[in-house]
Amino acid sequence: MPSSQVWPQYLGLPQRAGRLYAIVDVEMAASAGWTPLDLVSAYLSGGAHLIQLRAKSLSGSAFLDLACRMHDLTAAAGALLIVNDRADIARSAGAEGVHVGQDDLPPAAVRRLVGLESIVGLSSHTDEQVLQAITEPISYMAIGPVFTTATKNDAQPPIGLIGVRQAAKAAAPRALGVIGIGGITLARAREVVDAGAAGVAVISDLLVGGGPEARTRAYIARLAEVGTV
C-alpha cells in the first residue's frame, strides 16, 4: 500500500460540489413515482452540484446506459456525478467519481481503475474503519448513519453528532472531507455540518416537502447558513 506521503496527489471534493450530496437511488425514486433521469433533473434545477447514482438492482448494461445518460445531464449543468459501487461503470460513463462501501473493491484497487484525477469516496461506520479510511487513497469519507435511518435494512447503529465530530477530527490532518449520511433531514442538516462535516448526503428526505426541486433549494439555503450567527 502506498505511504501517506503520496496522498496529496489524490483530489478531494471540488469546492463547486457544495454541501449537499444528493443521492438518486433507482428503487426509491421509482417508489416515489420518479424516473432517475427526471429526479436528477429536479435536483440539478434545485441547485445540486454533487449527485450519486445508486442502482443496485439494475443489470450492468442497464446501469451503464443510465449512468451515461445521467452524466450528460450533470455535465451540462456543471455538476459532478459519482457512481455507487461500480468503478468500471463510473469510468465507462465518464463520471467524475465512484463511491464504495466496506464490502466493495478496496479503495486502492478502485484508484488504480479510475486514475488519480477521479473522486473516490468510501463509507465508514466504526472508529476502526475511520482510522483505516484516512490511510486510503480516497477523496472523501462518508460517515454514518448519523441518525436512525430506514433507507438501509442492514444499517449500522447511529453514530450521532459525536461520531461526526470524531471522524472530522481524525480526517483533518489529511484535509479529508467527511460527508454525514443516514437519517439526515432538513431540520438537522445544519447541525451535522456544524459538527465538522463538509456536507450531508441525502436520499429520502429530498423526496418530500413540496417536491425534490424545492426540497433541494431548501437544503442548499439551510446549509448556506453554516458559519453565520
Protein backbone atom coordinates (compact mmCIF):
# COMPACT_ATOMS: atom_id res chain seq x y z
CA MET A 1 0.00 0.00 0.00
CA PRO A 2 1.33 3.49 -0.81
CA SER A 3 2.58 5.59 2.06
CA SER A 4 0.66 8.60 3.35
CA GLN A 5 3.28 10.86 1.74
CA VAL A 6 1.61 10.39 -1.66
CA TRP A 7 -1.93 11.25 -0.53
CA PRO A 8 -1.85 14.95 -1.58
CA GLN A 9 -1.93 13.85 -5.22
CA TYR A 10 -5.46 12.50 -4.74
CA LEU A 11 -8.05 15.16 -5.36
CA GLY A 12 -10.66 15.97 -2.73
CA LEU A 13 -14.15 17.20 -3.46
CA PRO A 14 -14.05 20.36 -5.59
CA GLN A 15 -15.45 23.45 -3.94
CA ARG A 16 -18.22 23.58 -6.53
CA ALA A 17 -19.59 20.32 -5.11
CA GLY A 18 -21.22 22.33 -2.35
CA ARG A 19 -22.53 20.92 0.92
CA LEU A 20 -25.44 18.88 -0.43
CA TYR A 21 -24.75 15.39 -1.77
CA ALA A 22 -27.96 14.30 -3.49
CA ILE A 23 -28.30 10.55 -3.96
CA VAL A 24 -30.50 9.15 -6.71
CA ASP A 25 -31.48 5.65 -5.63
CA VAL A 26 -33.25 3.97 -8.56
CA GLU A 27 -35.58 1.86 -6.42
CA MET A 28 -36.52 4.68 -4.06
CA ALA A 29 -37.10 7.02 -6.99
CA ALA A 30 -39.50 4.52 -8.53
CA SER A 31 -41.34 4.11 -5.22
CA ALA A 32 -41.83 7.86 -5.11
CA GLY A 33 -43.06 7.96 -8.72
CA TRP A 34 -39.92 9.38 -10.31
CA THR A 35 -37.68 8.12 -13.07
CA PRO A 36 -33.98 8.50 -12.19
CA LEU A 37 -33.42 10.99 -15.01
CA ASP A 38 -36.40 13.15 -14.06
CA LEU A 39 -35.28 13.08 -10.45
CA VAL A 40 -31.72 14.13 -11.19
CA SER A 41 -33.07 16.90 -13.42
CA ALA A 42 -35.10 18.17 -10.46
CA TYR A 43 -32.05 18.07 -8.19
CA LEU A 44 -29.96 19.94 -10.74
CA SER A 45 -32.70 22.53 -11.24
CA GLY A 46 -32.75 22.97 -7.48
CA GLY A 47 -29.04 23.76 -7.49
CA ALA A 48 -27.38 20.46 -6.51
CA HIS A 49 -23.84 20.05 -7.85
CA LEU A 50 -22.92 16.66 -6.39
CA ILE A 51 -25.03 13.67 -7.44
CA GLN A 52 -24.62 9.97 -6.70
CA LEU A 53 -26.30 7.28 -8.79
CA ARG A 54 -27.20 4.16 -6.84
CA ALA A 55 -28.67 1.30 -8.91
CA LYS A 56 -28.15 -1.97 -7.08
CA SER A 57 -30.99 -3.78 -8.86
CA LEU A 58 -30.02 -2.96 -12.45
CA SER A 59 -28.06 -5.20 -14.78
CA GLY A 60 -24.61 -3.99 -15.78
CA SER A 61 -25.73 -2.86 -19.22
CA ALA A 62 -28.80 -1.03 -17.91
CA PHE A 63 -26.70 0.60 -15.17
CA LEU A 64 -24.13 1.79 -17.71
CA ASP A 65 -26.80 3.17 -20.04
CA LEU A 66 -28.42 5.07 -17.18
CA ALA A 67 -25.07 6.38 -15.93
CA CYS A 68 -24.16 7.67 -19.40
CA ARG A 69 -27.49 9.43 -19.81
CA MET A 70 -27.32 10.87 -16.31
CA HIS A 71 -23.79 12.12 -16.88
CA ASP A 72 -25.00 14.01 -19.95
CA LEU A 73 -27.39 15.89 -17.66
CA THR A 74 -24.95 16.53 -14.84
CA ALA A 75 -22.17 17.64 -17.17
CA ALA A 76 -24.47 20.10 -18.91
CA ALA A 77 -25.31 21.58 -15.51
CA GLY A 78 -21.69 21.75 -14.40
CA ALA A 79 -22.34 19.16 -11.70
CA LEU A 80 -20.38 16.10 -10.58
CA LEU A 81 -21.63 12.52 -10.96
CA ILE A 82 -20.50 9.80 -8.58
CA VAL A 83 -21.40 6.18 -9.32
CA ASN A 84 -22.11 3.90 -6.38
CA ASP A 85 -20.17 0.62 -6.14
CA ARG A 86 -19.14 0.21 -9.79
CA ALA A 87 -15.77 1.67 -10.69
CA ASP A 88 -15.97 0.11 -14.15
CA ILE A 89 -19.28 1.83 -14.90
CA ALA A 90 -18.07 5.14 -13.48
CA ARG A 91 -15.06 5.08 -15.79
CA SER A 92 -17.00 3.92 -18.85
CA ALA A 93 -19.70 6.57 -18.35
CA GLY A 94 -17.17 9.38 -17.87
CA ALA A 95 -18.44 10.05 -14.34
CA GLU A 96 -16.29 12.19 -12.10
CA GLY A 97 -16.04 9.56 -9.40
CA VAL A 98 -17.09 6.37 -7.65
CA HIS A 99 -18.24 5.60 -4.12
CA VAL A 100 -17.58 2.26 -2.45
CA GLY A 101 -18.54 0.60 0.80
CA GLN A 102 -16.64 -1.58 3.20
CA ASP A 103 -17.55 -4.76 1.30
CA ASP A 104 -16.77 -3.43 -2.20
CA LEU A 105 -13.45 -3.16 -4.01
CA PRO A 106 -10.71 -1.71 -1.77
CA PRO A 107 -10.06 2.00 -2.42
CA ALA A 108 -6.52 1.32 -3.69
CA ALA A 109 -7.91 -1.05 -6.33
CA VAL A 110 -10.60 1.47 -7.26
CA ARG A 111 -7.97 4.19 -7.57
CA ARG A 112 -5.97 2.05 -9.98
CA LEU A 113 -9.08 1.61 -12.13
CA VAL A 114 -10.27 5.23 -12.23
CA GLY A 115 -6.99 7.13 -12.03
CA LEU A 116 -5.59 9.90 -9.87
CA GLU A 117 -7.93 12.65 -11.01
CA SER A 118 -11.20 10.88 -10.22
CA ILE A 119 -13.13 11.35 -6.98
CA VAL A 120 -13.17 8.24 -4.79
CA GLY A 121 -15.42 8.05 -1.74
CA LEU A 122 -15.55 5.43 1.00
CA SER A 123 -18.28 4.63 3.53
CA SER A 124 -17.12 4.20 7.13
CA HIS A 125 -19.10 3.39 10.25
CA THR A 126 -16.82 2.49 13.15
CA ASP A 127 -13.81 4.13 14.77
CA GLU A 128 -11.58 1.43 13.30
CA GLN A 129 -12.95 2.00 9.80
CA VAL A 130 -12.43 5.76 10.12
CA LEU A 131 -8.79 5.27 11.11
CA GLN A 132 -8.28 2.91 8.18
CA ALA A 133 -10.06 5.26 5.77
CA ILE A 134 -7.66 8.13 6.39
CA THR A 135 -4.79 5.90 5.20
CA GLU A 136 -6.54 5.12 1.91
CA PRO A 137 -6.25 6.95 -1.45
CA ILE A 138 -9.73 8.47 -1.18
CA SER A 139 -11.12 11.93 -1.85
CA TYR A 140 -13.76 11.95 0.88
CA MET A 141 -15.19 9.72 3.58
CA ALA A 142 -18.89 9.19 4.18
CA ILE A 143 -19.63 8.59 7.86
CA GLY A 144 -22.83 7.25 9.30
CA PRO A 145 -25.55 6.56 9.80
CA VAL A 146 -25.58 9.82 11.73
CA PHE A 147 -29.17 9.31 12.83
CA THR A 148 -31.59 6.40 12.69
CA THR A 149 -32.44 5.60 9.08
CA ALA A 150 -34.95 3.38 7.31
CA THR A 151 -33.18 3.65 3.94
CA LYS A 152 -30.99 0.57 4.54
CA ASN A 153 -32.26 -2.61 6.15
CA ASP A 154 -28.76 -3.51 7.36
CA ALA A 155 -27.83 -0.07 8.68
CA GLN A 156 -25.28 0.20 11.47
CA PRO A 157 -26.25 1.83 14.80
CA PRO A 158 -26.34 5.64 14.53
CA ILE A 159 -23.11 7.41 15.43
CA GLY A 160 -24.71 10.75 16.31
CA LEU A 161 -23.09 14.14 16.10
CA ILE A 162 -20.30 12.99 18.40
CA GLY A 163 -19.31 10.40 15.80
CA VAL A 164 -19.28 13.07 13.10
CA ARG A 165 -17.03 15.29 15.22
CA GLN A 166 -14.63 12.44 15.91
CA ALA A 167 -14.42 11.45 12.25
CA ALA A 168 -13.88 15.06 11.15
CA LYS A 169 -11.13 15.48 13.73
CA ALA A 170 -9.41 12.28 12.60
CA ALA A 171 -9.63 13.31 8.93
CA ALA A 172 -8.47 16.90 9.45
CA PRO A 173 -4.69 16.26 9.24
CA ARG A 174 -5.21 14.87 5.75
CA ALA A 175 -7.66 17.62 4.82
CA LEU A 176 -10.07 14.82 4.01
CA GLY A 177 -13.69 15.88 3.69
CA VAL A 178 -16.26 14.00 5.77
CA ILE A 179 -19.82 13.60 4.49
CA GLY A 180 -22.56 12.81 7.00
CA ILE A 181 -25.12 10.27 5.81
CA GLY A 182 -28.06 8.41 7.28
CA GLY A 183 -31.26 9.84 8.68
CA ILE A 184 -30.40 13.37 7.52
CA THR A 185 -33.38 15.74 7.47
CA LEU A 186 -33.72 19.38 6.57
CA ALA A 187 -34.21 20.21 10.24
CA ARG A 188 -30.94 18.51 11.25
CA ALA A 189 -28.70 19.06 8.22
CA ARG A 190 -27.07 22.21 9.52
CA GLU A 191 -26.05 20.68 12.85
CA VAL A 192 -24.27 17.86 11.02
CA VAL A 193 -22.13 20.36 9.12
CA ASP A 194 -21.69 22.42 12.28
CA ALA A 195 -20.26 19.25 13.85
CA GLY A 196 -17.46 19.25 11.26
CA ALA A 197 -18.87 17.51 8.19
CA ALA A 198 -18.04 19.01 4.82
CA GLY A 199 -21.55 18.19 3.67
CA VAL A 200 -24.55 15.89 4.03
CA ALA A 201 -25.72 13.07 1.79
CA VAL A 202 -29.50 12.81 1.48
CA ILE A 203 -31.79 10.27 -0.17
CA SER A 204 -35.35 10.01 1.13
CA ASP A 205 -35.71 13.47 2.67
CA LEU A 206 -35.21 15.08 -0.74
CA LEU A 207 -38.40 13.35 -1.92
CA VAL A 208 -40.72 15.17 0.50
CA GLY A 209 -41.65 18.73 1.31
CA GLY A 210 -43.09 20.10 -1.93
CA GLY A 211 -41.05 18.07 -4.39
CA PRO A 212 -37.35 17.37 -4.98
CA GLU A 213 -36.51 20.65 -6.71
CA ALA A 214 -37.98 22.76 -3.92
CA ARG A 215 -36.50 20.48 -1.26
CA THR A 216 -33.06 20.76 -2.85
CA ARG A 217 -33.29 24.54 -2.80
CA ALA A 218 -34.34 24.43 0.85
CA TYR A 219 -31.33 22.26 1.77
CA ILE A 220 -28.90 24.49 -0.06
CA ALA A 221 -30.32 27.56 1.65
CA ARG A 222 -30.19 25.90 5.07
CA LEU A 223 -26.61 24.71 4.60
CA ALA A 224 -25.57 28.17 3.43
CA GLU A 225 -26.38 29.35 6.96
CA VAL A 226 -23.50 27.33 8.41
CA GLY A 227 -20.97 29.66 9.97
CA THR A 228 -23.41 32.54 10.23
CA VAL A 229 -24.72 33.92 13.50
